[in-house]
């Protein structure tokens, strides 16, 4: 049921795109300006109903939530790329709602399947139902964090894979005479991936007045990738010491390609070890059944009656 609900929600989710541009395009095609009610009703159901409810619940939950927990959630959301513009309070409230929904579903199933006369008696199966509901609540509370962690890992892998090519393009642009900021802008316009989005946000922060080294450090913190952290540290050091940026980018690009080759070799060496588990528990038993199954049936036919005492 949960899988079907997730599939339906995914199919009905709004397509990606810039909502501001869509609103401007819709406004330019209309003969008369939209009223506030029409603008409100044109928003998706999740933005009109669900997110405001989560925010109001979050305002109540935040009173009892430690500030360190909210900061940790905000850091995880930054590492995940701020999916759908989630806020820490909204995400934490969603975890609580998921826990309550999972526990309520188990309790409802327990009420339906149990004997009404003995359900509230701990001598019957109510103790098991309550224990299962507690486990379901814990699972529902941690599932959003697991999904967020999975998104963080996918984003970091995508950034690591795209870094060598992006650094090559940065090097070519800087050697051709562009400044480093213009080179980052060119990379953000060239591709549509997580690294390009991070570069675009960094350029926007620099244009708004943030120092370049601070914007680069914040970008590295939002990624959580060691390669990007070392790359940003090298850029900041080169900028402070007056070293040629093109030379630093060339060295960093070569190092990134060496690291990518080393990671590929490491995964290739780990593949035989990882294959042992499916081979030992899935492939070999099936082969044994196919090869030894007929022989086992013949042995049972020849000697099975004697072992059973049938003569």
C-alpha atoms as a PDB file:
ATOM      1  CA  UNK A   1       0.000   0.000   0.000  1.00  0.00           C
ATOM      2  CA  UNK A   2       2.816   2.397   0.849  1.00  0.00           C
ATOM      3  CA  UNK A   3       4.589   1.567  -2.428  1.00  0.00           C
ATOM      4  CA  UNK A   4       1.436   2.210  -4.451  1.00  0.00           C
ATOM      5  CA  UNK A   5       0.861   5.492  -2.610  1.00  0.00           C
ATOM      6  CA  UNK A   6       4.426   6.592  -3.325  1.00  0.00           C
ATOM      7  CA  UNK A   7       4.086   5.702  -7.015  1.00  0.00           C
ATOM      8  CA  UNK A   8       0.841   7.675  -7.299  1.00  0.00           C
ATOM      9  CA  UNK A   9       2.386  10.652  -5.485  1.00  0.00           C
ATOM     10  CA  UNK A  10       5.411  10.527  -7.769  1.00  0.00           C
ATOM     11  CA  UNK A  11       3.273  10.419 -10.895  1.00  0.00           C
ATOM     12  CA  UNK A  12       1.141  13.321  -9.688  1.00  0.00           C
ATOM     13  CA  UNK A  13       4.112  15.406  -8.558  1.00  0.00           C
ATOM     14  CA  UNK A  14       4.619  18.631 -10.512  1.00  0.00           C
ATOM     15  CA  UNK A  15       7.316  18.585 -13.148  1.00  0.00           C
ATOM     16  CA  UNK A  16      10.594  20.315 -12.495  1.00  0.00           C
ATOM     17  CA  UNK A  17      11.059  23.876 -13.674  1.00  0.00           C
ATOM     18  CA  UNK A  18      11.262  27.447 -12.564  1.00  0.00           C
ATOM     19  CA  UNK A  19       7.883  28.396 -11.005  1.00  0.00           C
ATOM     20  CA  UNK A  20       8.666  32.103 -11.370  1.00  0.00           C
ATOM     21  CA  UNK A  21       9.136  31.812 -15.126  1.00  0.00           C
ATOM     22  CA  UNK A  22       5.950  29.747 -15.411  1.00  0.00           C
ATOM     23  CA  UNK A  23       3.985  32.376 -13.477  1.00  0.00           C
ATOM     24  CA  UNK A  24       5.410  35.189 -15.639  1.00  0.00           C
ATOM     25  CA  UNK A  25       4.592  33.304 -18.830  1.00  0.00           C
ATOM     26  CA  UNK A  26       1.051  32.644 -17.642  1.00  0.00           C
ATOM     27  CA  UNK A  27       0.637  36.275 -16.628  1.00  0.00           C
ATOM     28  CA  UNK A  28       1.884  37.577 -20.000  1.00  0.00           C
ATOM     29  CA  UNK A  29      -0.613  35.414 -21.920  1.00  0.00           C
ATOM     30  CA  UNK A  30      -3.628  36.609 -19.932  1.00  0.00           C
ATOM     31  CA  UNK A  31      -5.663  39.596 -21.067  1.00  0.00           C
ATOM     32  CA  UNK A  32      -6.393  40.739 -17.519  1.00  0.00           C
ATOM     33  CA  UNK A  33      -4.241  40.406 -14.374  1.00  0.00           C
ATOM     34  CA  UNK A  34      -4.889  37.501 -12.070  1.00  0.00           C
ATOM     35  CA  UNK A  35      -6.560  38.092  -8.750  1.00  0.00           C
ATOM     36  CA  UNK A  36      -5.090  36.921  -5.472  1.00  0.00           C
ATOM     37  CA  UNK A  37      -7.614  34.109  -5.275  1.00  0.00           C
ATOM     38  CA  UNK A  38      -6.738  32.885  -8.773  1.00  0.00           C
ATOM     39  CA  UNK A  39      -3.030  33.025  -7.959  1.00  0.00           C
ATOM     40  CA  UNK A  40      -3.645  31.057  -4.765  1.00  0.00           C
ATOM     41  CA  UNK A  41      -5.748  28.415  -6.531  1.00  0.00           C
ATOM     42  CA  UNK A  42      -3.203  28.038  -9.330  1.00  0.00           C
ATOM     43  CA  UNK A  43      -0.632  26.656  -6.897  1.00  0.00           C
ATOM     44  CA  UNK A  44      -0.338  22.874  -6.432  1.00  0.00           C
ATOM     45  CA  UNK A  45      -2.312  21.207  -3.653  1.00  0.00           C
ATOM     46  CA  UNK A  46       0.845  20.409  -1.703  1.00  0.00           C
ATOM     47  CA  UNK A  47       1.911  24.060  -1.623  1.00  0.00           C
ATOM     48  CA  UNK A  48      -1.582  25.327  -0.751  1.00  0.00           C
ATOM     49  CA  UNK A  49      -2.610  22.834   1.923  1.00  0.00           C
ATOM     50  CA  UNK A  50       0.067  20.361   2.983  1.00  0.00           C
ATOM     51  CA  UNK A  51       3.108  22.629   3.360  1.00  0.00           C
ATOM     52  CA  UNK A  52       1.250  25.346   5.340  1.00  0.00           C
ATOM     53  CA  UNK A  53      -0.106  22.690   7.709  1.00  0.00           C
ATOM     54  CA  UNK A  54       3.376  21.258   8.170  1.00  0.00           C
ATOM     55  CA  UNK A  55       4.758  24.727   8.855  1.00  0.00           C
ATOM     56  CA  UNK A  56       2.108  25.430  11.494  1.00  0.00           C
ATOM     57  CA  UNK A  57       2.758  22.108  13.144  1.00  0.00           C
ATOM     58  CA  UNK A  58       6.449  22.817  12.891  1.00  0.00           C
ATOM     59  CA  UNK A  59       6.039  26.096  14.759  1.00  0.00           C
ATOM     60  CA  UNK A  60       4.603  24.078  17.632  1.00  0.00           C
ATOM     61  CA  UNK A  61       7.208  21.304  17.392  1.00  0.00           C
ATOM     62  CA  UNK A  62      10.143  23.717  17.263  1.00  0.00           C
ATOM     63  CA  UNK A  63       9.423  24.790  20.837  1.00  0.00           C
ATOM     64  CA  UNK A  64      10.386  21.330  22.081  1.00  0.00           C
ATOM     65  CA  UNK A  65      13.151  20.568  19.570  1.00  0.00           C
ATOM     66  CA  UNK A  66      16.801  21.287  20.408  1.00  0.00           C
ATOM     67  CA  UNK A  67      18.443  23.866  18.180  1.00  0.00           C
ATOM     68  CA  UNK A  68      21.338  21.504  17.493  1.00  0.00           C
ATOM     69  CA  UNK A  69      18.951  18.984  15.929  1.00  0.00           C
ATOM     70  CA  UNK A  70      17.521  21.627  13.608  1.00  0.00           C
ATOM     71  CA  UNK A  71      21.019  22.717  12.615  1.00  0.00           C
ATOM     72  CA  UNK A  72      21.979  19.123  11.845  1.00  0.00           C
ATOM     73  CA  UNK A  73      18.834  18.701   9.732  1.00  0.00           C
ATOM     74  CA  UNK A  74      19.595  21.949   7.893  1.00  0.00           C
ATOM     75  CA  UNK A  75      23.103  20.703   7.140  1.00  0.00           C
ATOM     76  CA  UNK A  76      21.726  17.419   5.801  1.00  0.00           C
ATOM     77  CA  UNK A  77      19.223  19.298   3.638  1.00  0.00           C
ATOM     78  CA  UNK A  78      22.062  21.419   2.253  1.00  0.00           C
ATOM     79  CA  UNK A  79      24.036  18.278   1.490  1.00  0.00           C
ATOM     80  CA  UNK A  80      20.997  16.881  -0.328  1.00  0.00           C
ATOM     81  CA  UNK A  81      20.637  20.028  -2.415  1.00  0.00           C
ATOM     82  CA  UNK A  82      17.597  21.422  -0.544  1.00  0.00           C
ATOM     83  CA  UNK A  83      15.030  19.114  -2.211  1.00  0.00           C
ATOM     84  CA  UNK A  84      11.737  20.912  -2.916  1.00  0.00           C
ATOM     85  CA  UNK A  85      12.820  23.804  -0.707  1.00  0.00           C
ATOM     86  CA  UNK A  86      12.253  21.870   2.517  1.00  0.00           C
ATOM     87  CA  UNK A  87      12.923  23.620   5.780  1.00  0.00           C
ATOM     88  CA  UNK A  88      14.291  21.860   8.892  1.00  0.00           C
ATOM     89  CA  UNK A  89      11.073  22.412  10.822  1.00  0.00           C
ATOM     90  CA  UNK A  90       8.963  21.026   7.967  1.00  0.00           C
ATOM     91  CA  UNK A  91      11.194  17.980   7.591  1.00  0.00           C
ATOM     92  CA  UNK A  92      11.194  17.251  11.329  1.00  0.00           C
ATOM     93  CA  UNK A  93       7.410  17.620  11.440  1.00  0.00           C
ATOM     94  CA  UNK A  94       7.121  15.224   8.515  1.00  0.00           C
ATOM     95  CA  UNK A  95       9.134  12.658  10.444  1.00  0.00           C
ATOM     96  CA  UNK A  96       6.782  12.933  13.421  1.00  0.00           C
ATOM     97  CA  UNK A  97       3.715  12.649  11.185  1.00  0.00           C
ATOM     98  CA  UNK A  98       5.194   9.591   9.473  1.00  0.00           C
ATOM     99  CA  UNK A  99       5.809   7.953  12.864  1.00  0.00           C
ATOM    100  CA  UNK A 100       2.271   8.685  14.044  1.00  0.00           C
ATOM    101  CA  UNK A 101       0.773   7.457  10.757  1.00  0.00           C
ATOM    102  CA  UNK A 102       2.738   4.197  10.849  1.00  0.00           C
ATOM    103  CA  UNK A 103       1.775   3.509  14.468  1.00  0.00           C
ATOM    104  CA  UNK A 104      -1.858   4.412  13.791  1.00  0.00           C
ATOM    105  CA  UNK A 105      -1.991   2.078  10.815  1.00  0.00           C
ATOM    106  CA  UNK A 106      -0.714  -0.839  12.899  1.00  0.00           C
ATOM    107  CA  UNK A 107      -3.157  -0.077  15.708  1.00  0.00           C
ATOM    108  CA  UNK A 108      -6.033   0.156  13.225  1.00  0.00           C
ATOM    109  CA  UNK A 109      -5.116  -3.207  11.737  1.00  0.00           C
ATOM    110  CA  UNK A 110      -4.883  -4.624  15.267  1.00  0.00           C
ATOM    111  CA  UNK A 111      -8.333  -3.332  16.139  1.00  0.00           C
ATOM    112  CA  UNK A 112      -9.832  -4.750  12.949  1.00  0.00           C
ATOM    113  CA  UNK A 113      -8.259  -8.189  13.234  1.00  0.00           C
ATOM    114  CA  UNK A 114      -8.529  -8.660  17.016  1.00  0.00           C
ATOM    115  CA  UNK A 115     -11.461  -9.776  19.135  1.00  0.00           C
ATOM    116  CA  UNK A 116     -13.250  -6.636  20.394  1.00  0.00           C
ATOM    117  CA  UNK A 117     -13.864  -8.240  23.780  1.00  0.00           C
ATOM    118  CA  UNK A 118     -10.260  -9.152  24.429  1.00  0.00           C
ATOM    119  CA  UNK A 119      -8.273  -6.571  22.471  1.00  0.00           C
ATOM    120  CA  UNK A 120      -7.591  -4.323  25.444  1.00  0.00           C
ATOM    121  CA  UNK A 121      -6.566  -7.239  27.594  1.00  0.00           C
ATOM    122  CA  UNK A 122      -2.835  -7.850  27.727  1.00  0.00           C
ATOM    123  CA  UNK A 123      -3.537 -11.565  28.033  1.00  0.00           C
ATOM    124  CA  UNK A 124      -4.523 -11.563  24.360  1.00  0.00           C
ATOM    125  CA  UNK A 125      -2.487 -10.205  21.447  1.00  0.00           C
ATOM    126  CA  UNK A 126      -2.748  -6.520  22.369  1.00  0.00           C
ATOM    127  CA  UNK A 127       0.780  -6.508  23.795  1.00  0.00           C
ATOM    128  CA  UNK A 128       2.160  -7.688  20.472  1.00  0.00           C
ATOM    129  CA  UNK A 129       0.090  -5.093  18.646  1.00  0.00           C
ATOM    130  CA  UNK A 130       1.415  -2.294  20.841  1.00  0.00           C
ATOM    131  CA  UNK A 131       4.985  -3.517  20.436  1.00  0.00           C
ATOM    132  CA  UNK A 132       4.539  -3.706  16.669  1.00  0.00           C
ATOM    133  CA  UNK A 133       3.024  -0.203  16.654  1.00  0.00           C
ATOM    134  CA  UNK A 134       6.014   1.128  18.593  1.00  0.00           C
ATOM    135  CA  UNK A 135       8.379  -0.496  16.124  1.00  0.00           C
ATOM    136  CA  UNK A 136       6.388   0.920  13.212  1.00  0.00           C
ATOM    137  CA  UNK A 137       6.513   4.393  14.794  1.00  0.00           C
ATOM    138  CA  UNK A 138      10.295   4.177  15.143  1.00  0.00           C
ATOM    139  CA  UNK A 139      10.579   2.956  11.560  1.00  0.00           C
ATOM    140  CA  UNK A 140       8.334   5.733  10.275  1.00  0.00           C
ATOM    141  CA  UNK A 141      10.369   8.299  12.188  1.00  0.00           C
ATOM    142  CA  UNK A 142      13.686   7.166  10.692  1.00  0.00           C
ATOM    143  CA  UNK A 143      12.574   6.393   7.115  1.00  0.00           C
ATOM    144  CA  UNK A 144      12.628  10.086   6.010  1.00  0.00           C
ATOM    145  CA  UNK A 145      16.179  10.389   7.348  1.00  0.00           C
ATOM    146  CA  UNK A 146      17.199   7.261   5.442  1.00  0.00           C
ATOM    147  CA  UNK A 147      15.668   8.652   2.256  1.00  0.00           C
ATOM    148  CA  UNK A 148      17.460  11.948   2.818  1.00  0.00           C
ATOM    149  CA  UNK A 149      20.748  10.138   3.399  1.00  0.00           C
ATOM    150  CA  UNK A 150      20.224   8.180   0.179  1.00  0.00           C
ATOM    151  CA  UNK A 151      19.677  11.435  -1.718  1.00  0.00           C
ATOM    152  CA  UNK A 152      22.831  12.888  -0.168  1.00  0.00           C
ATOM    153  CA  UNK A 153      24.877   9.893  -1.307  1.00  0.00           C
ATOM    154  CA  UNK A 154      23.470  10.101  -4.845  1.00  0.00           C
ATOM    155  CA  UNK A 155      24.214  13.819  -5.018  1.00  0.00           C
ATOM    156  CA  UNK A 156      27.757  13.392  -3.751  1.00  0.00           C
ATOM    157  CA  UNK A 157      28.413  10.576  -6.234  1.00  0.00           C
ATOM    158  CA  UNK A 158      27.110  12.739  -9.071  1.00  0.00           C
ATOM    159  CA  UNK A 159      29.372  15.607  -7.992  1.00  0.00           C
ATOM    160  CA  UNK A 160      32.428  13.376  -7.753  1.00  0.00           C
ATOM    161  CA  UNK A 161      31.797  11.912 -11.222  1.00  0.00           C
ATOM    162  CA  UNK A 162      31.333  15.316 -12.857  1.00  0.00           C
ATOM    163  CA  UNK A 163      34.245  17.097 -11.182  1.00  0.00           C
ATOM    164  CA  UNK A 164      37.080  16.067 -13.593  1.00  0.00           C
ATOM    165  CA  UNK A 165      35.179  17.217 -16.680  1.00  0.00           C
ATOM    166  CA  UNK A 166      34.107  20.429 -14.955  1.00  0.00           C
ATOM    167  CA  UNK A 167      37.678  21.190 -13.907  1.00  0.00           C
ATOM    168  CA  UNK A 168      38.868  20.574 -17.469  1.00  0.00           C
ATOM    169  CA  UNK A 169      36.343  23.108 -18.744  1.00  0.00           C
ATOM    170  CA  UNK A 170      37.343  25.552 -16.008  1.00  0.00           C
ATOM    171  CA  UNK A 171      40.996  25.165 -16.972  1.00  0.00           C
ATOM    172  CA  UNK A 172      40.295  25.726 -20.666  1.00  0.00           C
ATOM    173  CA  UNK A 173      38.186  28.817 -19.956  1.00  0.00           C
ATOM    174  CA  UNK A 174      40.756  30.366 -17.621  1.00  0.00           C
ATOM    175  CA  UNK A 175      43.623  29.636 -20.004  1.00  0.00           C
ATOM    176  CA  UNK A 176      41.572  31.232 -22.796  1.00  0.00           C
ATOM    177  CA  UNK A 177      41.454  34.498 -20.851  1.00  0.00           C
ATOM    178  CA  UNK A 178      38.261  34.354 -18.831  1.00  0.00           C
ATOM    179  CA  UNK A 179      38.204  35.160 -15.148  1.00  0.00           C
ATOM    180  CA  UNK A 180      37.510  32.438 -12.638  1.00  0.00           C
ATOM    181  CA  UNK A 181      33.995  33.727 -11.919  1.00  0.00           C
ATOM    182  CA  UNK A 182      33.171  33.849 -15.633  1.00  0.00           C
ATOM    183  CA  UNK A 183      34.592  30.345 -16.039  1.00  0.00           C
ATOM    184  CA  UNK A 184      32.341  29.033 -13.255  1.00  0.00           C
ATOM    185  CA  UNK A 185      29.398  30.759 -14.910  1.00  0.00           C
ATOM    186  CA  UNK A 186      30.260  29.046 -18.200  1.00  0.00           C
ATOM    187  CA  UNK A 187      30.362  25.645 -16.471  1.00  0.00           C
ATOM    188  CA  UNK A 188      26.976  26.290 -14.846  1.00  0.00           C
ATOM    189  CA  UNK A 189      25.524  27.176 -18.265  1.00  0.00           C
ATOM    190  CA  UNK A 190      27.159  24.223 -20.029  1.00  0.00           C
ATOM    191  CA  UNK A 191      25.689  21.405 -17.901  1.00  0.00           C
ATOM    192  CA  UNK A 192      22.568  20.722 -15.904  1.00  0.00           C
ATOM    193  CA  UNK A 193      23.784  18.642 -12.972  1.00  0.00           C
ATOM    194  CA  UNK A 194      24.364  19.046  -9.252  1.00  0.00           C
ATOM    195  CA  UNK A 195      27.834  20.543  -9.665  1.00  0.00           C
ATOM    196  CA  UNK A 196      26.586  23.112 -12.182  1.00  0.00           C
ATOM    197  CA  UNK A 197      23.768  24.099  -9.812  1.00  0.00           C
ATOM    198  CA  UNK A 198      26.279  24.492  -6.972  1.00  0.00           C
ATOM    199  CA  UNK A 199      28.511  26.671  -9.159  1.00  0.00           C
ATOM    200  CA  UNK A 200      25.504  28.798 -10.154  1.00  0.00           C
ATOM    201  CA  UNK A 201      24.542  29.358  -6.520  1.00  0.00           C
ATOM    202  CA  UNK A 202      28.121  30.278  -5.654  1.00  0.00           C
ATOM    203  CA  UNK A 203      28.228  32.846  -8.483  1.00  0.00           C
ATOM    204  CA  UNK A 204      24.947  34.348  -7.306  1.00  0.00           C
ATOM    205  CA  UNK A 205      26.297  34.708  -3.776  1.00  0.00           C
ATOM    206  CA  UNK A 206      29.433  36.427  -5.094  1.00  0.00           C
ATOM    207  CA  UNK A 207      27.315  38.827  -7.127  1.00  0.00           C
ATOM    208  CA  UNK A 208      25.250  39.630  -4.031  1.00  0.00           C
ATOM    209  CA  UNK A 209      28.370  40.784  -2.218  1.00  0.00           C
ATOM    210  CA  UNK A 210      29.812  37.738  -0.484  1.00  0.00           C
ATOM    211  CA  UNK A 211      33.571  37.325  -0.658  1.00  0.00           C
ATOM    212  CA  UNK A 212      34.769  34.722  -3.120  1.00  0.00           C
ATOM    213  CA  UNK A 213      36.613  32.633  -0.549  1.00  0.00           C
ATOM    214  CA  UNK A 214      33.586  32.596   1.753  1.00  0.00           C
ATOM    215  CA  UNK A 215      31.270  31.642  -1.108  1.00  0.00           C
ATOM    216  CA  UNK A 216      33.639  28.843  -2.147  1.00  0.00           C
ATOM    217  CA  UNK A 217      33.906  27.532   1.431  1.00  0.00           C
ATOM    218  CA  UNK A 218      30.138  27.566   1.816  1.00  0.00           C
ATOM    219  CA  UNK A 219      29.786  25.711  -1.490  1.00  0.00           C
ATOM    220  CA  UNK A 220      32.210  23.031  -0.314  1.00  0.00           C
ATOM    221  CA  UNK A 221      30.349  22.726   3.003  1.00  0.00           C
ATOM    222  CA  UNK A 222      27.048  22.277   1.161  1.00  0.00           C
ATOM    223  CA  UNK A 223      28.554  19.430  -0.863  1.00  0.00           C
ATOM    224  CA  UNK A 224      30.428  17.483   1.793  1.00  0.00           C
ATOM    225  CA  UNK A 225      32.804  16.007  -0.808  1.00  0.00           C
ATOM    226  CA  UNK A 226      36.467  15.720   0.262  1.00  0.00           C
ATOM    227  CA  UNK A 227      37.720  16.309  -3.298  1.00  0.00           C
ATOM    228  CA  UNK A 228      35.777  19.553  -3.549  1.00  0.00           C
ATOM    229  CA  UNK A 229      36.997  20.650  -0.118  1.00  0.00           C
ATOM    230  CA  UNK A 230      40.648  20.174  -1.129  1.00  0.00           C
ATOM    231  CA  UNK A 231      39.977  21.873  -4.474  1.00  0.00           C
ATOM    232  CA  UNK A 232      38.461  24.925  -2.780  1.00  0.00           C
ATOM    233  CA  UNK A 233      41.339  25.086  -0.270  1.00  0.00           C
ATOM    234  CA  UNK A 234      43.847  25.069  -3.156  1.00  0.00           C
ATOM    235  CA  UNK A 235      41.941  27.840  -4.954  1.00  0.00           C
ATOM    236  CA  UNK A 236      41.784  30.030  -1.839  1.00  0.00           C
ATOM    237  CA  UNK A 237      45.464  29.523  -1.141  1.00  0.00           C
ATOM    238  CA  UNK A 238      46.375  30.335  -4.746  1.00  0.00           C
ATOM    239  CA  UNK A 239      44.241  33.469  -4.633  1.00  0.00           C
ATOM    240  CA  UNK A 240      45.873  34.659  -1.399  1.00  0.00           C
ATOM    241  CA  UNK A 241      49.434  33.928  -2.592  1.00  0.00           C
ATOM    242  CA  UNK A 242      48.942  35.310  -6.094  1.00  0.00           C
ATOM    243  CA  UNK A 243      49.695  32.032  -7.879  1.00  0.00           C
ATOM    244  CA  UNK A 244      48.471  31.593 -11.449  1.00  0.00           C
ATOM    245  CA  UNK A 245      44.908  30.265 -11.325  1.00  0.00           C
ATOM    246  CA  UNK A 246      45.314  28.420 -14.624  1.00  0.00           C
ATOM    247  CA  UNK A 247      48.297  26.464 -13.285  1.00  0.00           C
ATOM    248  CA  UNK A 248      46.427  25.519 -10.109  1.00  0.00           C
ATOM    249  CA  UNK A 249      43.396  24.412 -12.101  1.00  0.00           C
ATOM    250  CA  UNK A 250      45.574  22.290 -14.399  1.00  0.00           C
ATOM    251  CA  UNK A 251      47.201  20.539 -11.433  1.00  0.00           C
ATOM    252  CA  UNK A 252      43.859  19.998  -9.705  1.00  0.00           C
ATOM    253  CA  UNK A 253      42.327  18.635 -12.916  1.00  0.00           C
ATOM    254  CA  UNK A 254      45.123  16.089 -13.309  1.00  0.00           C
ATOM    255  CA  UNK A 255      44.768  15.045  -9.664  1.00  0.00           C
ATOM    256  CA  UNK A 256      41.013  14.615 -10.023  1.00  0.00           C
ATOM    257  CA  UNK A 257      41.474  12.298 -12.978  1.00  0.00           C
ATOM    258  CA  UNK A 258      44.040  10.267 -11.056  1.00  0.00           C
ATOM    259  CA  UNK A 259      41.631   9.973  -8.117  1.00  0.00           C
ATOM    260  CA  UNK A 260      38.794   8.932 -10.417  1.00  0.00           C
ATOM    261  CA  UNK A 261      40.968   6.194 -11.897  1.00  0.00           C
ATOM    262  CA  UNK A 262      41.966   5.057  -8.413  1.00  0.00           C
ATOM    263  CA  UNK A 263      38.321   4.893  -7.344  1.00  0.00           C
ATOM    264  CA  UNK A 264      37.479   2.842 -10.415  1.00  0.00           C
ATOM    265  CA  UNK A 265      40.338   0.431  -9.657  1.00  0.00           C
ATOM    266  CA  UNK A 266      39.212   0.168  -6.034  1.00  0.00           C
ATOM    267  CA  UNK A 267      35.661  -0.732  -7.076  1.00  0.00           C
ATOM    268  CA  UNK A 268      37.008  -3.251  -9.556  1.00  0.00           C
ATOM    269  CA  UNK A 269      39.011  -4.955  -6.797  1.00  0.00           C
ATOM    270  CA  UNK A 270      35.982  -4.945  -4.474  1.00  0.00           C
ATOM    271  CA  UNK A 271      33.683  -6.525  -7.072  1.00  0.00           C
ATOM    272  CA  UNK A 272      34.824 -10.182  -6.606  1.00  0.00           C
ATOM    273  CA  UNK A 273      34.390  -9.935  -2.831  1.00  0.00           C
ATOM    274  CA  UNK A 274      30.922  -8.395  -3.149  1.00  0.00           C
ATOM    275  CA  UNK A 275      29.934 -11.132  -5.602  1.00  0.00           C
ATOM    276  CA  UNK A 276      30.609 -13.881  -3.049  1.00  0.00           C
ATOM    277  CA  UNK A 277      27.425 -13.223  -1.072  1.00  0.00           C
ATOM    278  CA  UNK A 278      24.946 -13.521  -3.965  1.00  0.00           C
ATOM    279  CA  UNK A 279      26.907 -16.442  -5.411  1.00  0.00           C
ATOM    280  CA  UNK A 280      26.986 -18.343  -2.127  1.00  0.00           C
ATOM    281  CA  UNK A 281      23.377 -17.744  -1.085  1.00  0.00           C
ATOM    282  CA  UNK A 282      21.536 -17.358  -4.402  1.00  0.00           C
ATOM    283  CA  UNK A 283      23.406 -18.795  -7.393  1.00  0.00           C
ATOM    284  CA  UNK A 284      25.060 -21.893  -5.889  1.00  0.00           C
ATOM    285  CA  UNK A 285      21.876 -23.193  -4.155  1.00  0.00           C
ATOM    286  CA  UNK A 286      19.959 -22.904  -7.420  1.00  0.00           C
ATOM    287  CA  UNK A 287      22.713 -24.781  -9.267  1.00  0.00           C
ATOM    288  CA  UNK A 288      22.754 -27.506  -6.614  1.00  0.00           C
ATOM    289  CA  UNK A 289      18.983 -27.903  -6.881  1.00  0.00           C
ATOM    290  CA  UNK A 290      19.124 -28.181 -10.667  1.00  0.00           C
ATOM    291  CA  UNK A 291      22.062 -30.608 -10.730  1.00  0.00           C
ATOM    292  CA  UNK A 292      21.423 -32.706  -7.626  1.00  0.00           C
ATOM    293  CA  UNK A 293      17.623 -32.534  -7.583  1.00  0.00           C
ATOM    294  CA  UNK A 294      17.034 -35.456 -10.017  1.00  0.00           C
ATOM    295  CA  UNK A 295      19.655 -37.579  -8.269  1.00  0.00           C
ATOM    296  CA  UNK A 296      18.058 -36.827  -4.888  1.00  0.00           C
ATOM    297  CA  UNK A 297      14.637 -37.876  -6.210  1.00  0.00           C
ATOM    298  CA  UNK A 298      16.059 -41.172  -7.497  1.00  0.00           C
ATOM    299  CA  UNK A 299      17.729 -41.876  -4.148  1.00  0.00           C
ATOM    300  CA  UNK A 300      14.443 -41.189  -2.346  1.00  0.00           C
ATOM    301  CA  UNK A 301      12.579 -43.514  -4.702  1.00  0.00           C
ATOM    302  CA  UNK A 302      15.106 -46.315  -4.219  1.00  0.00           C
ATOM    303  CA  UNK A 303      15.733 -46.069  -0.482  1.00  0.00           C
ATOM    304  CA  UNK A 304      13.070 -43.742   0.871  1.00  0.00           C
ATOM    305  CA  UNK A 305      10.484 -46.460   1.648  1.00  0.00           C
ATOM    306  CA  UNK A 306      12.954 -48.453   3.655  1.00  0.00           C
ATOM    307  CA  UNK A 307      13.941 -45.412   5.698  1.00  0.00           C
ATOM    308  CA  UNK A 308      10.251 -44.683   6.383  1.00  0.00           C
ATOM    309  CA  UNK A 309       9.608 -48.195   7.555  1.00  0.00           C
ATOM    310  CA  UNK A 310       7.409 -49.232   4.651  1.00  0.00           C
ATOM    311  CA  UNK A 311       9.220 -52.515   3.873  1.00  0.00           C
END
